[in-house]
Protein backbone atom coordinates (compact mmCIF):
# COMPACT_ATOMS: atom_id res chain seq x y z
CA MET A 1 0.00 0.00 0.00
CA LYS A 2 2.87 2.40 0.81
CA THR A 3 4.56 1.64 -2.50
CA GLY A 4 1.32 2.17 -4.34
CA SER A 5 0.65 5.48 -2.61
CA LYS A 6 4.17 6.71 -3.42
CA ALA A 7 3.79 5.76 -7.03
CA LYS A 8 0.41 7.50 -7.09
CA ASN A 9 1.90 10.68 -5.66
CA GLY A 10 4.73 10.61 -8.22
CA LYS A 11 7.45 10.14 -5.59
CA LYS A 12 10.45 7.88 -6.18
CA ALA A 13 11.78 5.58 -3.53
CA GLY A 14 15.39 6.60 -2.82
CA MET A 15 18.03 5.54 -0.30
CA SER A 16 17.09 5.54 3.31
CA LYS A 17 18.89 7.72 5.83
CA ARG A 18 20.93 4.73 7.01
CA GLU A 19 21.92 3.75 3.46
CA ARG A 20 23.02 7.32 2.69
CA ARG A 21 25.08 7.34 5.86
CA PHE A 22 26.81 4.07 4.90
CA PHE A 23 27.37 5.40 1.37
CA TRP A 24 29.19 8.51 2.60
CA ILE A 25 31.19 6.52 5.15
CA GLY A 26 32.26 4.11 2.40
CA LEU A 27 33.17 7.02 0.15
CA LEU A 28 35.21 8.52 2.98
CA PHE A 29 37.23 5.34 3.39
CA LEU A 30 37.64 5.12 -0.38
CA SER A 31 38.72 8.74 -0.76
CA PRO A 32 42.50 8.24 -0.19
CA TRP A 33 42.69 5.75 -3.07
CA LEU A 34 40.25 7.76 -5.17
CA ILE A 35 42.20 11.00 -4.72
CA GLY A 36 45.46 9.20 -5.50
CA PHE A 37 43.96 7.54 -8.57
CA LEU A 38 42.61 10.83 -9.93
CA ALA A 39 45.78 12.80 -9.11
CA PHE A 40 48.43 10.28 -10.13
CA SER A 41 46.71 8.25 -12.87
CA VAL A 42 43.76 10.00 -14.51
CA TYR A 43 45.21 13.52 -14.51
CA PRO A 44 48.68 12.52 -15.86
CA ILE A 45 47.05 10.51 -18.66
CA CYS A 46 44.77 13.39 -19.64
CA ALA A 47 47.66 15.85 -19.40
CA ALA A 48 49.86 13.62 -21.58
CA VAL A 49 47.15 13.46 -24.24
CA TYR A 50 46.92 17.27 -24.26
CA TYR A 51 50.69 17.88 -24.17
CA SER A 52 51.22 15.44 -27.03
CA PHE A 53 49.59 18.02 -29.32
CA THR A 54 51.72 20.89 -28.00
CA ASP A 55 55.27 22.19 -27.96
CA TYR A 56 55.98 22.07 -24.24
CA SER A 57 59.28 22.22 -22.34
CA ILE A 58 58.17 22.73 -18.67
CA PHE A 59 59.68 26.24 -18.52
CA THR A 60 57.42 27.61 -21.26
CA ALA A 61 53.66 27.56 -21.71
CA PRO A 62 52.34 24.79 -23.98
CA LYS A 63 51.93 25.87 -27.58
CA TRP A 64 49.39 24.00 -29.69
CA ILE A 65 51.01 22.43 -32.76
CA GLY A 66 48.47 19.73 -33.66
CA VAL A 67 49.81 16.38 -34.84
CA LYS A 68 53.34 17.62 -35.56
CA ASN A 69 54.82 15.59 -32.71
CA TYR A 70 53.31 12.40 -34.12
CA LEU A 71 54.60 13.18 -37.60
CA ASP A 72 58.06 13.84 -36.15
CA ILE A 73 58.01 10.45 -34.45
CA PHE A 74 57.69 8.62 -37.77
CA ALA A 75 60.48 10.77 -39.24
CA ASP A 76 62.85 10.27 -36.29
CA LYS A 77 65.53 7.70 -37.19
CA MET A 78 66.39 7.14 -33.54
CA ILE A 79 62.80 6.04 -32.91
CA TRP A 80 63.24 3.17 -35.33
CA LYS A 81 66.61 2.31 -33.80
CA SER A 82 65.06 2.20 -30.34
CA LEU A 83 62.17 0.08 -31.62
CA LEU A 84 64.60 -2.43 -33.14
CA ASN A 85 66.48 -2.66 -29.83
CA THR A 86 63.19 -3.11 -27.98
CA ALA A 87 62.08 -5.76 -30.47
CA TYR A 88 65.36 -7.63 -29.92
CA ILE A 89 64.93 -7.76 -26.16
CA THR A 90 61.31 -8.85 -26.68
CA VAL A 91 61.78 -11.47 -29.39
CA VAL A 92 65.08 -12.90 -28.12
CA GLY A 93 65.32 -12.04 -24.43
CA LEU A 94 61.75 -12.82 -23.37
CA PRO A 95 61.59 -16.41 -24.75
CA VAL A 96 65.02 -17.20 -23.27
CA SER A 97 63.94 -15.92 -19.86
CA ILE A 98 60.64 -17.84 -19.93
CA ILE A 99 62.26 -21.10 -21.09
CA ILE A 100 64.99 -20.95 -18.43
CA SER A 101 62.43 -20.02 -15.76
CA LEU A 102 60.33 -23.05 -16.71
CA ALA A 103 63.40 -25.31 -16.80
CA LEU A 104 64.44 -24.18 -13.31
CA ALA A 105 60.90 -24.69 -12.04
CA LEU A 106 60.90 -28.25 -13.42
CA LEU A 107 64.20 -28.95 -11.67
CA LEU A 108 63.02 -27.44 -8.39
CA ASN A 109 59.82 -29.49 -8.58
CA GLN A 110 61.74 -32.74 -8.21
CA LYS A 111 61.83 -34.62 -4.92
CA VAL A 112 65.46 -34.22 -3.85
CA LYS A 113 67.18 -33.37 -0.59
CA GLY A 114 67.79 -29.74 0.25
CA LEU A 115 65.03 -28.52 -2.07
CA PRO A 116 64.06 -25.48 0.10
CA PHE A 117 67.69 -24.35 0.08
CA PHE A 118 67.95 -24.53 -3.72
CA ARG A 119 64.61 -22.75 -4.17
CA THR A 120 65.82 -19.94 -1.92
CA ILE A 121 69.13 -19.63 -3.75
CA PHE A 122 67.48 -19.35 -7.17
CA TYR A 123 64.89 -16.86 -5.92
CA LEU A 124 67.31 -14.56 -4.05
CA PRO A 125 68.43 -12.52 -7.12
CA THR A 126 64.84 -11.33 -7.55
CA VAL A 127 65.00 -9.68 -4.11
CA VAL A 128 68.00 -7.57 -5.16
CA PRO A 129 66.88 -4.16 -6.56
CA VAL A 130 67.27 -3.78 -10.32
CA VAL A 131 69.76 -0.90 -10.02
CA ALA A 132 71.92 -2.87 -7.59
CA SER A 133 71.78 -5.90 -9.89
CA ALA A 134 72.86 -3.77 -12.86
CA MET A 135 75.78 -2.32 -10.88
CA LEU A 136 76.78 -5.84 -9.84
CA PHE A 137 76.70 -7.10 -13.42
CA MET A 138 78.78 -4.15 -14.60
CA TRP A 139 81.50 -5.64 -12.42
CA VAL A 140 80.76 -9.26 -13.41
CA LEU A 141 80.90 -8.37 -17.13
CA ASN A 142 84.00 -6.18 -16.93
CA PRO A 143 86.26 -7.32 -19.80
CA GLU A 144 89.47 -7.00 -17.76
CA TYR A 145 88.71 -8.29 -14.26
CA GLY A 146 85.11 -9.49 -14.49
CA ILE A 147 84.21 -12.88 -13.08
CA LEU A 148 82.57 -14.08 -16.31
CA ASN A 149 85.59 -13.41 -18.54
CA MET A 150 87.89 -14.90 -15.90
CA ALA A 151 85.75 -18.06 -15.93
CA LEU A 152 85.82 -18.18 -19.73
CA GLY A 153 89.59 -17.66 -19.67
CA ALA A 154 89.97 -20.75 -17.49
CA PHE A 155 88.66 -22.74 -20.47
CA GLY A 156 90.89 -20.93 -22.94
CA ILE A 157 88.09 -18.69 -24.23
CA SER A 158 88.76 -14.99 -24.70
CA GLY A 159 85.71 -13.16 -23.33
CA PRO A 160 84.30 -10.22 -25.27
CA ALA A 161 83.96 -6.61 -24.14
CA TRP A 162 80.41 -7.11 -22.91
CA LEU A 163 79.58 -3.49 -22.15
CA SER A 164 81.49 -1.71 -24.92
CA ASP A 165 80.97 -3.98 -27.92
CA PRO A 166 77.59 -3.25 -29.59
CA ARG A 167 77.27 -6.92 -30.52
CA PHE A 168 77.17 -8.01 -26.89
CA THR A 169 75.52 -5.17 -24.98
CA LYS A 170 71.96 -6.47 -25.35
CA LEU A 171 73.17 -10.02 -24.67
CA SER A 172 74.59 -8.68 -21.39
CA LEU A 173 71.12 -7.46 -20.44
CA ILE A 174 69.62 -10.84 -21.30
CA LEU A 175 72.18 -12.56 -19.05
CA MET A 176 71.20 -10.32 -16.17
CA ASP A 177 67.48 -10.87 -16.81
CA VAL A 178 68.03 -14.64 -16.78
CA TRP A 179 69.85 -14.29 -13.46
CA ARG A 180 66.82 -12.42 -12.11
CA CYS A 181 64.17 -14.85 -13.39
CA GLY A 182 63.29 -16.13 -9.92
CA GLY A 183 59.90 -14.40 -9.88
CA THR A 184 58.73 -16.12 -13.05
CA MET A 185 60.26 -19.36 -11.83
CA ILE A 186 58.14 -19.26 -8.66
CA ILE A 187 54.99 -18.71 -10.73
CA PHE A 188 55.81 -21.73 -12.89
CA LEU A 189 56.67 -23.77 -9.80
CA SER A 190 53.29 -23.11 -8.24
CA ALA A 191 51.61 -24.08 -11.52
CA LEU A 192 53.60 -27.31 -11.73
CA GLN A 193 52.67 -28.26 -8.18
CA SER A 194 48.99 -27.93 -9.07
CA VAL A 195 49.20 -30.67 -11.72
CA PRO A 196 47.47 -33.78 -10.26
CA PRO A 197 49.98 -36.63 -9.76
CA THR A 198 47.35 -39.07 -10.99
CA PHE A 199 47.89 -37.77 -14.53
CA TYR A 200 51.55 -38.82 -14.46
CA GLU A 201 50.70 -42.14 -12.80
CA ALA A 202 48.27 -42.95 -15.61
CA ALA A 203 50.89 -41.95 -18.19
CA ASP A 204 53.45 -44.22 -16.51
CA LEU A 205 51.03 -47.12 -16.78
CA ASP A 206 50.73 -46.42 -20.50
CA GLY A 207 54.53 -46.37 -20.84
CA ALA A 208 54.79 -42.69 -21.79
CA SER A 209 58.27 -41.18 -21.85
CA ALA A 210 59.26 -38.13 -19.80
CA TRP A 211 59.21 -35.99 -22.95
CA LYS A 212 55.67 -37.08 -23.85
CA LYS A 213 54.47 -36.47 -20.29
CA PHE A 214 55.91 -32.98 -20.45
CA TRP A 215 54.22 -32.09 -23.77
CA ARG A 216 50.95 -33.98 -23.27
CA ILE A 217 50.33 -33.31 -19.56
CA THR A 218 52.54 -30.57 -18.12
CA VAL A 219 52.40 -28.00 -20.92
CA PRO A 220 48.60 -28.18 -21.48
CA TYR A 221 47.95 -28.00 -17.74
CA ILE A 222 50.18 -24.95 -17.16
CA SER A 223 49.31 -23.26 -20.47
CA PRO A 224 47.29 -20.48 -18.73
CA THR A 225 50.38 -19.69 -16.64
CA ILE A 226 52.56 -19.62 -19.76
CA GLN A 227 50.08 -17.23 -21.35
CA PHE A 228 50.09 -14.97 -18.28
CA THR A 229 53.89 -14.81 -18.00
CA THR A 230 54.23 -14.17 -21.73
CA ILE A 231 51.75 -11.28 -21.76
CA MET A 232 53.29 -9.70 -18.66
CA GLY A 233 56.75 -10.20 -20.13
CA LEU A 234 55.70 -8.50 -23.37
CA ILE A 235 54.45 -5.47 -21.47
CA SER A 236 57.65 -5.30 -19.39
CA SER A 237 59.88 -5.68 -22.45
CA PHE A 238 58.28 -2.73 -24.21
CA GLN A 239 58.95 -0.64 -21.08
CA TYR A 240 62.57 -1.79 -20.73
CA PHE A 241 64.43 1.02 -19.02
CA THR A 242 66.34 0.66 -15.74
CA GLN A 243 68.93 -1.93 -16.75
CA ALA A 244 69.65 -0.17 -20.05
CA PHE A 245 69.90 3.21 -18.31
CA VAL A 246 72.52 1.92 -15.86
CA PHE A 247 74.48 -0.05 -18.47
CA GLY A 248 74.34 2.83 -20.96
CA SER A 249 75.70 5.29 -18.42
CA VAL A 250 79.08 3.56 -18.31
CA SER A 251 81.86 6.03 -19.07
CA GLN A 252 83.92 5.10 -22.10
CA SER A 253 87.00 7.18 -22.77
CA ASN A 254 85.66 9.82 -20.37
CA VAL A 255 82.54 10.22 -22.53
CA LEU A 256 79.12 9.27 -21.18
CA THR A 257 77.01 7.30 -23.63
CA PRO A 258 73.42 7.15 -22.30
CA GLY A 259 72.35 4.92 -25.17
CA GLY A 260 75.35 2.64 -24.98
CA PRO A 261 77.97 2.11 -27.70
CA GLN A 262 76.49 3.00 -31.10
CA ASN A 263 73.11 3.41 -29.33
CA SER A 264 72.86 -0.36 -28.97
CA LEU A 265 71.12 0.15 -25.61
CA MET A 266 68.82 2.94 -26.74
CA PHE A 267 65.47 1.32 -25.99
CA TYR A 268 62.19 3.09 -26.66
CA SER A 269 61.49 3.94 -23.01
CA LEU A 270 65.04 5.19 -22.53
CA TYR A 271 64.74 7.42 -25.59
CA LEU A 272 61.40 8.69 -24.30
CA TYR A 273 63.04 9.57 -20.97
CA GLN A 274 65.89 11.29 -22.76
CA GLN A 275 63.55 13.43 -24.85
CA GLY A 276 61.44 14.42 -21.86
CA PHE A 277 63.97 14.93 -19.08
CA THR A 278 67.25 15.60 -20.87
CA TYR A 279 66.12 17.71 -23.82
CA LEU A 280 62.92 18.87 -22.03
CA LYS A 281 60.74 18.06 -25.04
CA MET A 282 57.74 17.12 -22.94
CA GLY A 283 55.26 17.42 -25.77
CA TYR A 284 57.29 15.07 -27.96
CA ALA A 285 57.83 12.66 -25.04
CA SER A 286 54.08 12.65 -24.32
CA ALA A 287 53.37 11.74 -27.93
CA MET A 288 55.93 8.94 -27.70
CA ALA A 289 54.26 7.68 -24.52
CA LEU A 290 50.85 7.51 -26.20
CA VAL A 291 52.33 5.71 -29.22
CA LEU A 292 53.93 3.22 -26.83
CA PHE A 293 50.58 2.72 -25.11
CA VAL A 294 48.87 1.96 -28.42
CA VAL A 295 51.66 -0.40 -29.52
CA VAL A 296 51.63 -2.32 -26.21
CA MET A 297 47.84 -2.63 -26.32
CA ALA A 298 47.89 -3.84 -29.93
CA VAL A 299 50.71 -6.36 -29.42
CA SER A 300 49.18 -7.66 -26.18
CA PHE A 301 45.78 -8.05 -27.85
CA VAL A 302 47.24 -9.93 -30.83
CA ALA A 303 49.37 -12.16 -28.57
CA LEU A 304 46.37 -12.86 -26.36
CA ARG A 305 44.19 -13.83 -29.32
CA VAL A 306 46.90 -16.03 -30.86
CA MET A 307 47.71 -17.80 -27.58
CA GLU A 308 44.05 -18.21 -26.67
CA LYS A 309 43.75 -20.93 -29.32
CA HIS A 310 46.46 -22.98 -27.58
CA VAL A 311 45.50 -22.39 -23.95
CA ASN A 312 43.66 -25.21 -22.22
CA TYR A 313 41.38 -24.09 -19.40
CA ASP A 314 39.59 -27.44 -19.14
CA VAL A 315 42.16 -29.15 -16.94
CA GLU A 316 39.88 -31.08 -14.60
């Protein structure tokens, strides 16, 4: 009867006083995150979109120039150089890191003595900050007194100049990334431990080899994890910055080379940083950031669609 009378009088049933009170209390508790999200995520994104159409250098007011920054990107030869370097670390470095992470996880999933110790040892490099790891590897890869070249010399192999030879600079980064693959290894290890042992017992009864069990049981069961690590690795590879920044800052003949020898370490994100914070071309850097966003979204979408055909979610 009350509902009917309200409808007859044209009044709408809204929130009660108690519900409004809970709503504002909830909004109050949410406000720290909401303010941070608006101030440090939404506003910077909107500002970057606006600045990408301007000539802006922090110290001067933005000047609207339309799509000139985007046209300059396609005409910039260093952009293509940085994209090639980024593609190398993505196409070569990412598969190597994933394969070694999976291989280590398979080894650490065996029933042997001292397994917790070995798991800790392989995971420890991930705890070390990236900058500290890069500084450590600058010493390890030193061509004169580095541990790696000394080890190669013990076998009669003359080690290369890892940090000054353009042919080996990106390989040096891949070596360091492999050393720091403990995080991905742990993800694979948890996926491997979720595979029901009954699957392998049934395969043993059928006389399946270890290789067939790996391809027919292990890989299909952990395929969602492989997809996840691949997509996350793709996104990280396109934003490759810290390691290259530290390695590229090595002084050679008293001359700093931020992009490494012959710009072999000039990755897209590093070039974006250089344009924005070294040359103060914030408008150009904003345009580069938006292009990177579009490229990462497109590549991730394509990779997701391609891998979706080979991912098995029906594992029960």
